[in-house]
Every structure is written in C-alpha cells, then in structure tokens.
C-alpha cells in the first residue's frame, strides 16, 4: 500500500508543478506572447503589410465625419465618469 501511494505521489508531482506554474502566470506575459505582440506592432508601424489600394474618403464622407466631431462638443463632460457606489461595489 505504501509503495502504491509513493508511486502515485511521484507520478503526480510533475503534473501538480506544471499546473501551479501555469496558474501563476498572468495571461499575455510569456516571452512568446510578448514577442508576438512586438512582431505585430513592428509590422503595423513599418507598413510592410499595408494595402496597395489607395484609400481615401469622399468629400461628403469627410464632411460627415467632421460634423460628428463637432457634435461631440455639444455634450457636457461629466464631472465624474463613475458613481462612487458603482466604483466601490465593482458593479457596472
């Protein structure tokens, strides 16, 4: 019986260690994830994957976008974006 318990303990130790290791690693912080993010950011900033089609807005589209921008100034900016009760309870 003792040998059986010892065998199970020896077998389970690596599985438990890997489970603990995975649970302590916050998502997105591994070296592979970090490198992938840096690769995407570099690709975006370099323009190597940019479209060859010239993209532009028509004058009407530009005017509508500008009107939306100007309209955003008609709304008063609230003094506080969150209520204290919502912030303290964590509810949304």
PDB file of N, CA and C in Angstrom:
ATOM      1  N   UNK A   1       0.823  -1.196   0.000  1.00  0.00           N
ATOM      2  CA  UNK A   1       0.000   0.000   0.000  1.00  0.00           C
ATOM      3  C   UNK A   1       0.867   1.260   0.000  1.00  0.00           C
ATOM      4  N   UNK A   2       1.935   1.246   0.822  1.00  0.00           N
ATOM      5  CA  UNK A   2       2.818   2.404   0.877  1.00  0.00           C
ATOM      6  C   UNK A   2       3.518   2.621  -0.460  1.00  0.00           C
ATOM      7  N   UNK A   3       3.878   1.551  -1.129  1.00  0.00           N
ATOM      8  CA  UNK A   3       4.543   1.664  -2.420  1.00  0.00           C
ATOM      9  C   UNK A   3       3.594   2.264  -3.445  1.00  0.00           C
ATOM     10  N   UNK A   4       2.337   1.891  -3.385  1.00  0.00           N
ATOM     11  CA  UNK A   4       1.338   2.420  -4.316  1.00  0.00           C
ATOM     12  C   UNK A   4       1.156   3.920  -4.107  1.00  0.00           C
ATOM     13  N   UNK A   5       1.069   4.356  -2.851  1.00  0.00           N
ATOM     14  CA  UNK A   5       0.912   5.782  -2.534  1.00  0.00           C
ATOM     15  C   UNK A   5       2.149   6.548  -2.987  1.00  0.00           C
ATOM     16  N   UNK A   6       3.323   5.974  -2.760  1.00  0.00           N
ATOM     17  CA  UNK A   6       4.561   6.609  -3.180  1.00  0.00           C
ATOM     18  C   UNK A   6       4.617   6.740  -4.706  1.00  0.00           C
ATOM     19  N   UNK A   7       4.177   5.708  -5.415  1.00  0.00           N
ATOM     20  CA  UNK A   7       4.189   5.740  -6.875  1.00  0.00           C
ATOM     21  C   UNK A   7       3.243   6.821  -7.398  1.00  0.00           C
ATOM     22  N   UNK A   8       2.067   6.934  -6.807  1.00  0.00           N
ATOM     23  CA  UNK A   8       1.104   7.964  -7.221  1.00  0.00           C
ATOM     24  C   UNK A   8       1.667   9.352  -6.935  1.00  0.00           C
ATOM     25  N   UNK A   9       2.302   9.519  -5.790  1.00  0.00           N
ATOM     26  CA  UNK A   9       2.874  10.817  -5.431  1.00  0.00           C
ATOM     27  C   UNK A   9       3.983  11.207  -6.400  1.00  0.00           C
ATOM     28  N   UNK A  10       4.831  10.239  -6.755  1.00  0.00           N
ATOM     29  CA  UNK A  10       5.924  10.526  -7.691  1.00  0.00           C
ATOM     30  C   UNK A  10       5.372  10.871  -9.065  1.00  0.00           C
ATOM     31  N   UNK A  11       4.335  10.165  -9.493  1.00  0.00           N
ATOM     32  CA  UNK A  11       3.729  10.421 -10.798  1.00  0.00           C
ATOM     33  C   UNK A  11       3.004  11.771 -10.832  1.00  0.00           C
ATOM     34  N   UNK A  12       2.326  12.137  -9.734  1.00  0.00           N
ATOM     35  CA  UNK A  12       1.505  13.341  -9.706  1.00  0.00           C
ATOM     36  C   UNK A  12       2.314  14.619  -9.496  1.00  0.00           C
ATOM     37  N   UNK A  13       3.506  14.524  -8.963  1.00  0.00           N
ATOM     38  CA  UNK A  13       4.294  15.722  -8.652  1.00  0.00           C
ATOM     39  C   UNK A  13       4.552  16.594  -9.876  1.00  0.00           C
ATOM     40  N   UNK A  14       5.019  16.059 -11.005  1.00  0.00           N
ATOM     41  CA  UNK A  14       5.230  16.946 -12.169  1.00  0.00           C
ATOM     42  C   UNK A  14       3.937  17.574 -12.686  1.00  0.00           C
ATOM     43  N   UNK A  15       2.841  16.825 -12.624  1.00  0.00           N
ATOM     44  CA  UNK A  15       1.563  17.373 -13.088  1.00  0.00           C
ATOM     45  C   UNK A  15       1.117  18.532 -12.201  1.00  0.00           C
ATOM     46  N   UNK A  16       1.269  18.372 -10.903  1.00  0.00           N
ATOM     47  CA  UNK A  16       0.884  19.445  -9.985  1.00  0.00           C
ATOM     48  C   UNK A  16       1.797  20.656 -10.146  1.00  0.00           C
ATOM     49  N   UNK A  17       3.088  20.401 -10.339  1.00  0.00           N
ATOM     50  CA  UNK A  17       4.026  21.513 -10.509  1.00  0.00           C
ATOM     51  C   UNK A  17       3.710  22.318 -11.763  1.00  0.00           C
ATOM     52  N   UNK A  18       3.382  21.641 -12.858  1.00  0.00           N
ATOM     53  CA  UNK A  18       3.058  22.379 -14.087  1.00  0.00           C
ATOM     54  C   UNK A  18       1.739  23.129 -13.949  1.00  0.00           C
ATOM     55  N   UNK A  19       0.788  22.552 -13.221  1.00  0.00           N
ATOM     56  CA  UNK A  19      -0.484  23.238 -13.010  1.00  0.00           C
ATOM     57  C   UNK A  19      -0.290  24.498 -12.179  1.00  0.00           C
ATOM     58  N   UNK A  20       0.533  24.423 -11.163  1.00  0.00           N
ATOM     59  CA  UNK A  20       0.811  25.595 -10.331  1.00  0.00           C
ATOM     60  C   UNK A  20       1.550  26.646 -11.138  1.00  0.00           C
ATOM     61  N   UNK A  21       2.491  26.214 -11.958  1.00  0.00           N
ATOM     62  CA  UNK A  21       3.255  27.141 -12.782  1.00  0.00           C
ATOM     63  C   UNK A  21       2.354  27.876 -13.761  1.00  0.00           C
ATOM     64  N   UNK A  22       1.427  27.161 -14.389  1.00  0.00           N
ATOM     65  CA  UNK A  22       0.512  27.794 -15.347  1.00  0.00           C
ATOM     66  C   UNK A  22      -0.444  28.739 -14.655  1.00  0.00           C
ATOM     67  N   UNK A  23      -0.902  28.413 -13.452  1.00  0.00           N
ATOM     68  CA  UNK A  23      -1.875  29.258 -12.778  1.00  0.00           C
ATOM     69  C   UNK A  23      -1.242  30.541 -12.251  1.00  0.00           C
ATOM     70  N   UNK A  24       0.070  30.546 -12.025  1.00  0.00           N
ATOM     71  CA  UNK A  24       0.733  31.744 -11.522  1.00  0.00           C
ATOM     72  C   UNK A  24       1.147  32.695 -12.633  1.00  0.00           C
ATOM     73  N   UNK A  25       1.066  32.294 -13.873  1.00  0.00           N
ATOM     74  CA  UNK A  25       1.470  33.136 -14.985  1.00  0.00           C
ATOM     75  C   UNK A  25       0.264  33.908 -15.509  1.00  0.00           C
ATOM     76  N   UNK A  26       0.273  35.230 -15.337  1.00  0.00           N
ATOM     77  CA  UNK A  26      -0.841  36.012 -15.872  1.00  0.00           C
ATOM     78  C   UNK A  26      -0.870  35.897 -17.400  1.00  0.00           C
ATOM     79  N   UNK A  27      -2.046  35.946 -18.007  1.00  0.00           N
ATOM     80  CA  UNK A  27      -2.141  35.825 -19.457  1.00  0.00           C
ATOM     81  C   UNK A  27      -1.426  36.983 -20.150  1.00  0.00           C
ATOM     82  N   UNK A  28      -0.760  36.648 -21.246  1.00  0.00           N
ATOM     83  CA  UNK A  28      -0.109  37.664 -22.042  1.00  0.00           C
ATOM     84  C   UNK A  28       1.263  38.078 -21.562  1.00  0.00           C
ATOM     85  N   UNK A  29       1.836  37.335 -20.617  1.00  0.00           N
ATOM     86  CA  UNK A  29       3.127  37.756 -20.095  1.00  0.00           C
ATOM     87  C   UNK A  29       4.254  36.784 -20.428  1.00  0.00           C
ATOM     88  N   UNK A  30       3.962  35.735 -21.160  1.00  0.00           N
ATOM     89  CA  UNK A  30       5.032  34.817 -21.507  1.00  0.00           C
ATOM     90  C   UNK A  30       5.911  35.453 -22.576  1.00  0.00           C
ATOM     91  N   UNK A  31       7.126  34.952 -22.704  1.00  0.00           N
ATOM     92  CA  UNK A  31       8.058  35.514 -23.673  1.00  0.00           C
ATOM     93  C   UNK A  31       7.523  35.366 -25.096  1.00  0.00           C
ATOM     94  N   UNK A  32       6.871  34.239 -25.394  1.00  0.00           N
ATOM     95  CA  UNK A  32       6.309  34.026 -26.727  1.00  0.00           C
ATOM     96  C   UNK A  32       5.203  35.036 -27.016  1.00  0.00           C
ATOM     97  N   UNK A  33       4.330  35.276 -26.035  1.00  0.00           N
ATOM     98  CA  UNK A  33       3.256  36.260 -26.220  1.00  0.00           C
ATOM     99  C   UNK A  33       3.827  37.655 -26.417  1.00  0.00           C
ATOM    100  N   UNK A  34       4.833  37.987 -25.628  1.00  0.00           N
ATOM    101  CA  UNK A  34       5.448  39.308 -25.742  1.00  0.00           C
ATOM    102  C   UNK A  34       6.082  39.493 -27.113  1.00  0.00           C
ATOM    103  N   UNK A  35       6.772  38.464 -27.591  1.00  0.00           N
ATOM    104  CA  UNK A  35       7.410  38.556 -28.902  1.00  0.00           C
ATOM    105  C   UNK A  35       6.371  38.681 -30.009  1.00  0.00           C
ATOM    106  N   UNK A  36       5.257  37.975 -29.869  1.00  0.00           N
ATOM    107  CA  UNK A  36       4.199  38.064 -30.873  1.00  0.00           C
ATOM    108  C   UNK A  36       3.618  39.471 -30.930  1.00  0.00           C
ATOM    109  N   UNK A  37       3.416  40.082 -29.774  1.00  0.00           N
ATOM    110  CA  UNK A  37       2.904  41.453 -29.731  1.00  0.00           C
ATOM    111  C   UNK A  37       3.893  42.413 -30.385  1.00  0.00           C
ATOM    112  N   UNK A  38       5.167  42.259 -30.051  1.00  0.00           N
ATOM    113  CA  UNK A  38       6.176  43.139 -30.642  1.00  0.00           C
ATOM    114  C   UNK A  38       6.259  42.972 -32.159  1.00  0.00           C
ATOM    115  N   UNK A  39       6.100  41.732 -32.630  1.00  0.00           N
ATOM    116  CA  UNK A  39       6.120  41.481 -34.074  1.00  0.00           C
ATOM    117  C   UNK A  39       4.955  42.179 -34.762  1.00  0.00           C
ATOM    118  N   UNK A  40       3.753  42.082 -34.186  1.00  0.00           N
ATOM    119  CA  UNK A  40       2.587  42.741 -34.783  1.00  0.00           C
ATOM    120  C   UNK A  40       2.746  44.261 -34.772  1.00  0.00           C
ATOM    121  N   UNK A  41       3.256  44.805 -33.664  1.00  0.00           N
ATOM    122  CA  UNK A  41       3.437  46.249 -33.595  1.00  0.00           C
ATOM    123  C   UNK A  41       4.456  46.732 -34.622  1.00  0.00           C
ATOM    124  N   UNK A  42       5.524  45.973 -34.792  1.00  0.00           N
ATOM    125  CA  UNK A  42       6.543  46.346 -35.777  1.00  0.00           C
ATOM    126  C   UNK A  42       5.973  46.257 -37.193  1.00  0.00           C
ATOM    127  N   UNK A  43       5.184  45.229 -37.472  1.00  0.00           N
ATOM    128  CA  UNK A  43       4.562  45.075 -38.783  1.00  0.00           C
ATOM    129  C   UNK A  43       3.620  46.231 -39.070  1.00  0.00           C
ATOM    130  N   UNK A  44       2.875  46.635 -38.056  1.00  0.00           N
ATOM    131  CA  UNK A  44       1.940  47.737 -38.231  1.00  0.00           C
ATOM    132  C   UNK A  44       2.675  49.052 -38.482  1.00  0.00           C
ATOM    133  N   UNK A  45       3.700  49.331 -37.702  1.00  0.00           N
ATOM    134  CA  UNK A  45       4.383  50.620 -37.841  1.00  0.00           C
ATOM    135  C   UNK A  45       5.258  50.688 -39.085  1.00  0.00           C
ATOM    136  N   UNK A  46       5.736  49.546 -39.568  1.00  0.00           N
ATOM    137  CA  UNK A  46       6.614  49.565 -40.743  1.00  0.00           C
ATOM    138  C   UNK A  46       5.838  49.752 -42.032  1.00  0.00           C
ATOM    139  N   UNK A  47       4.571  49.331 -42.055  1.00  0.00           N
ATOM    140  CA  UNK A  47       3.767  49.457 -43.270  1.00  0.00           C
ATOM    141  C   UNK A  47       4.042  48.360 -44.283  1.00  0.00           C
ATOM    142  N   UNK A  48       4.803  47.318 -43.921  1.00  0.00           N
ATOM    143  CA  UNK A  48       5.127  46.241 -44.871  1.00  0.00           C
ATOM    144  C   UNK A  48       3.891  45.469 -45.310  1.00  0.00           C
ATOM    145  N   UNK A  49       2.852  45.437 -44.480  1.00  0.00           N
ATOM    146  CA  UNK A  49       1.643  44.704 -44.842  1.00  0.00           C
ATOM    147  C   UNK A  49       0.511  45.642 -45.250  1.00  0.00           C
ATOM    148  N   UNK A  50       0.857  46.871 -45.557  1.00  0.00           N
ATOM    149  CA  UNK A  50      -0.156  47.859 -45.929  1.00  0.00           C
ATOM    150  C   UNK A  50      -0.779  47.514 -47.272  1.00  0.00           C
ATOM    151  N   UNK A  51      -1.995  47.928 -47.443  1.00  0.00           N
ATOM    152  CA  UNK A  51      -2.711  47.703 -48.686  1.00  0.00           C
ATOM    153  C   UNK A  51      -2.081  48.527 -49.804  1.00  0.00           C
ATOM    154  N   UNK A  52      -2.073  47.964 -50.990  1.00  0.00           N
ATOM    155  CA  UNK A  52      -1.572  48.709 -52.146  1.00  0.00           C
ATOM    156  C   UNK A  52      -2.651  49.599 -52.755  1.00  0.00           C
ATOM    157  N   UNK A  53      -3.900  49.392 -52.346  1.00  0.00           N
ATOM    158  CA  UNK A  53      -5.007  50.221 -52.830  1.00  0.00           C
ATOM    159  C   UNK A  53      -5.042  51.529 -52.049  1.00  0.00           C
ATOM    160  N   UNK A  54      -5.028  52.640 -52.754  1.00  0.00           N
ATOM    161  CA  UNK A  54      -5.133  53.936 -52.113  1.00  0.00           C
ATOM    162  C   UNK A  54      -6.515  54.066 -51.488  1.00  0.00           C
ATOM    163  N   UNK A  55      -6.545  54.389 -50.223  1.00  0.00           N
ATOM    164  CA  UNK A  55      -7.820  54.521 -49.518  1.00  0.00           C
ATOM    165  C   UNK A  55      -8.027  55.980 -49.161  1.00  0.00           C
ATOM    166  N   UNK A  56      -9.153  56.503 -49.572  1.00  0.00           N
ATOM    167  CA  UNK A  56      -9.450  57.897 -49.261  1.00  0.00           C
ATOM    168  C   UNK A  56     -10.953  58.043 -49.071  1.00  0.00           C
ATOM    169  N   UNK A  57     -11.308  59.096 -48.411  1.00  0.00           N
ATOM    170  CA  UNK A  57     -12.720  59.381 -48.166  1.00  0.00           C
ATOM    171  C   UNK A  57     -13.186  60.436 -49.162  1.00  0.00           C
ATOM    172  N   UNK A  58     -14.437  60.334 -49.535  1.00  0.00           N
ATOM    173  CA  UNK A  58     -15.009  61.342 -50.432  1.00  0.00           C
ATOM    174  C   UNK A  58     -15.210  62.632 -49.651  1.00  0.00           C
ATOM    175  N   UNK A  59     -15.371  63.742 -50.331  1.00  0.00           N
ATOM    176  CA  UNK A  59     -15.633  64.991 -49.605  1.00  0.00           C
ATOM    177  C   UNK A  59     -16.880  64.897 -48.713  1.00  0.00           C
ATOM    178  N   UNK A  60     -17.905  64.194 -49.163  1.00  0.00           N
ATOM    179  CA  UNK A  60     -19.118  64.061 -48.350  1.00  0.00           C
ATOM    180  C   UNK A  60     -18.830  63.255 -47.078  1.00  0.00           C
ATOM    181  N   UNK A  61     -18.038  62.199 -47.210  1.00  0.00           N
ATOM    182  CA  UNK A  61     -17.689  61.392 -46.029  1.00  0.00           C
ATOM    183  C   UNK A  61     -16.845  62.199 -45.046  1.00  0.00           C
ATOM    184  N   UNK A  62     -15.919  62.974 -45.564  1.00  0.00           N
ATOM    185  CA  UNK A  62     -15.091  63.811 -44.698  1.00  0.00           C
ATOM    186  C   UNK A  62     -15.941  64.851 -43.978  1.00  0.00           C
ATOM    187  N   UNK A  63     -16.918  65.425 -44.685  1.00  0.00           N
ATOM    188  CA  UNK A  63     -17.792  66.424 -44.076  1.00  0.00           C
ATOM    189  C   UNK A  63     -18.638  65.805 -42.965  1.00  0.00           C
ATOM    190  N   UNK A  64     -19.191  64.604 -43.224  1.00  0.00           N
ATOM    191  CA  UNK A  64     -19.993  63.941 -42.184  1.00  0.00           C
ATOM    192  C   UNK A  64     -19.145  63.594 -40.961  1.00  0.00           C
ATOM    193  N   UNK A  65     -17.927  63.150 -41.172  1.00  0.00           N
ATOM    194  CA  UNK A  65     -17.045  62.831 -40.051  1.00  0.00           C
ATOM    195  C   UNK A  65     -16.728  64.093 -39.239  1.00  0.00           C
ATOM    196  N   UNK A  66     -16.493  65.187 -39.932  1.00  0.00           N
ATOM    197  CA  UNK A  66     -16.200  66.437 -39.243  1.00  0.00           C
ATOM    198  C   UNK A  66     -17.418  66.926 -38.464  1.00  0.00           C
ATOM    199  N   UNK A  67     -18.615  66.759 -39.036  1.00  0.00           N
ATOM    200  CA  UNK A  67     -19.835  67.156 -38.330  1.00  0.00           C
ATOM    201  C   UNK A  67     -20.030  66.325 -37.063  1.00  0.00           C
ATOM    202  N   UNK A  68     -19.739  65.012 -37.138  1.00  0.00           N
ATOM    203  CA  UNK A  68     -19.822  64.169 -35.932  1.00  0.00           C
ATOM    204  C   UNK A  68     -18.832  64.645 -34.878  1.00  0.00           C
ATOM    205  N   UNK A  69     -17.645  65.011 -35.326  1.00  0.00           N
ATOM    206  CA  UNK A  69     -16.621  65.523 -34.415  1.00  0.00           C
ATOM    207  C   UNK A  69     -17.103  66.808 -33.736  1.00  0.00           C
ATOM    208  N   UNK A  70     -17.648  67.730 -34.506  1.00  0.00           N
ATOM    209  CA  UNK A  70     -18.140  68.977 -33.920  1.00  0.00           C
ATOM    210  C   UNK A  70     -19.306  68.738 -32.984  1.00  0.00           C
ATOM    211  N   UNK A  71     -20.168  67.784 -33.331  1.00  0.00           N
ATOM    212  CA  UNK A  71     -21.332  67.492 -32.490  1.00  0.00           C
ATOM    213  C   UNK A  71     -20.902  66.937 -31.131  1.00  0.00           C
ATOM    214  N   UNK A  72     -19.750  66.273 -31.085  1.00  0.00           N
ATOM    215  CA  UNK A  72     -19.294  65.704 -29.815  1.00  0.00           C
ATOM    216  C   UNK A  72     -19.041  66.789 -28.773  1.00  0.00           C
ATOM    217  N   UNK A  73     -18.817  68.026 -29.224  1.00  0.00           N
ATOM    218  CA  UNK A  73     -18.592  69.116 -28.287  1.00  0.00           C
ATOM    219  C   UNK A  73     -19.883  69.665 -27.691  1.00  0.00           C
ATOM    220  N   UNK A  74     -21.042  69.251 -28.182  1.00  0.00           N
ATOM    221  CA  UNK A  74     -22.304  69.757 -27.646  1.00  0.00           C
ATOM    222  C   UNK A  74     -22.698  69.041 -26.360  1.00  0.00           C
ATOM    223  N   UNK A  75     -22.072  67.919 -26.052  1.00  0.00           N
ATOM    224  CA  UNK A  75     -22.381  67.185 -24.825  1.00  0.00           C
ATOM    225  C   UNK A  75     -21.452  67.648 -23.712  1.00  0.00           C
ATOM    226  N   UNK A  76     -22.067  67.935 -22.578  1.00  0.00           N
ATOM    227  CA  UNK A  76     -21.268  68.390 -21.442  1.00  0.00           C
ATOM    228  C   UNK A  76     -20.439  67.234 -20.887  1.00  0.00           C
ATOM    229  N   UNK A  77     -19.210  67.524 -20.532  1.00  0.00           N
ATOM    230  CA  UNK A  77     -18.348  66.500 -19.954  1.00  0.00           C
ATOM    231  C   UNK A  77     -18.751  66.329 -18.488  1.00  0.00           C
ATOM    232  N   UNK A  78     -19.079  65.103 -18.067  1.00  0.00           N
ATOM    233  CA  UNK A  78     -19.493  64.905 -16.675  1.00  0.00           C
ATOM    234  C   UNK A  78     -18.313  65.133 -15.725  1.00  0.00           C
ATOM    235  N   UNK A  79     -18.640  65.615 -14.517  1.00  0.00           N
ATOM    236  CA  UNK A  79     -17.584  65.853 -13.539  1.00  0.00           C
ATOM    237  C   UNK A  79     -16.910  64.543 -13.150  1.00  0.00           C
ATOM    238  N   UNK A  80     -17.717  63.503 -12.996  1.00  0.00           N
ATOM    239  CA  UNK A  80     -17.185  62.188 -12.659  1.00  0.00           C
ATOM    240  C   UNK A  80     -17.754  61.175 -13.635  1.00  0.00           C
ATOM    241  N   UNK A  81     -16.922  60.295 -14.118  1.00  0.00           N
ATOM    242  CA  UNK A  81     -17.390  59.290 -15.067  1.00  0.00           C
ATOM    243  C   UNK A  81     -18.034  58.105 -14.372  1.00  0.00           C
ATOM    244  N   UNK A  82     -17.667  57.866 -13.122  1.00  0.00           N
ATOM    245  CA  UNK A  82     -18.229  56.753 -12.372  1.00  0.00           C
ATOM    246  C   UNK A  82     -18.880  57.270 -11.100  1.00  0.00           C
ATOM    247  N   UNK A  83     -19.993  56.644 -10.718  1.00  0.00           N
ATOM    248  CA  UNK A  83     -20.567  56.937  -9.420  1.00  0.00           C
ATOM    249  C   UNK A  83     -19.720  56.260  -8.359  1.00  0.00           C
ATOM    250  N   UNK A  84     -19.624  56.871  -7.189  1.00  0.00           N
ATOM    251  CA  UNK A  84     -18.842  56.273  -6.106  1.00  0.00           C
ATOM    252  C   UNK A  84     -19.386  54.907  -5.720  1.00  0.00           C
ATOM    253  N   UNK A  85     -20.706  54.750  -5.708  1.00  0.00           N
ATOM    254  CA  UNK A  85     -21.284  53.462  -5.316  1.00  0.00           C
ATOM    255  C   UNK A  85     -20.937  52.371  -6.332  1.00  0.00           C
ATOM    256  N   UNK A  86     -20.923  52.699  -7.634  1.00  0.00           N
ATOM    257  CA  UNK A  86     -20.555  51.714  -8.643  1.00  0.00           C
ATOM    258  C   UNK A  86     -19.084  51.347  -8.539  1.00  0.00           C
ATOM    259  N   UNK A  87     -18.254  52.337  -8.236  1.00  0.00           N
ATOM    260  CA  UNK A  87     -16.807  52.083  -8.155  1.00  0.00           C
ATOM    261  C   UNK A  87     -16.488  51.206  -6.955  1.00  0.00           C
ATOM    262  N   UNK A  88     -17.146  51.450  -5.836  1.00  0.00           N
ATOM    263  CA  UNK A  88     -16.842  50.685  -4.617  1.00  0.00           C
ATOM    264  C   UNK A  88     -17.363  49.266  -4.673  1.00  0.00           C
ATOM    265  N   UNK A  89     -18.488  49.024  -5.328  1.00  0.00           N
ATOM    266  CA  UNK A  89     -19.045  47.677  -5.382  1.00  0.00           C
ATOM    267  C   UNK A  89     -18.502  46.880  -6.537  1.00  0.00           C
ATOM    268  N   UNK A  90     -17.901  47.547  -7.510  1.00  0.00           N
ATOM    269  CA  UNK A  90     -17.365  46.854  -8.658  1.00  0.00           C
ATOM    270  C   UNK A  90     -18.413  46.492  -9.685  1.00  0.00           C
ATOM    271  N   UNK A  91     -19.671  46.919  -9.491  1.00  0.00           N
ATOM    272  CA  UNK A  91     -20.704  46.615 -10.476  1.00  0.00           C
ATOM    273  C   UNK A  91     -20.637  47.603 -11.618  1.00  0.00           C
ATOM    274  N   UNK A  92     -21.217  47.210 -12.733  1.00  0.00           N
ATOM    275  CA  UNK A  92     -21.206  48.074 -13.905  1.00  0.00           C
ATOM    276  C   UNK A  92     -22.599  48.485 -14.249  1.00  0.00           C
TER     277      UNK A  92
END
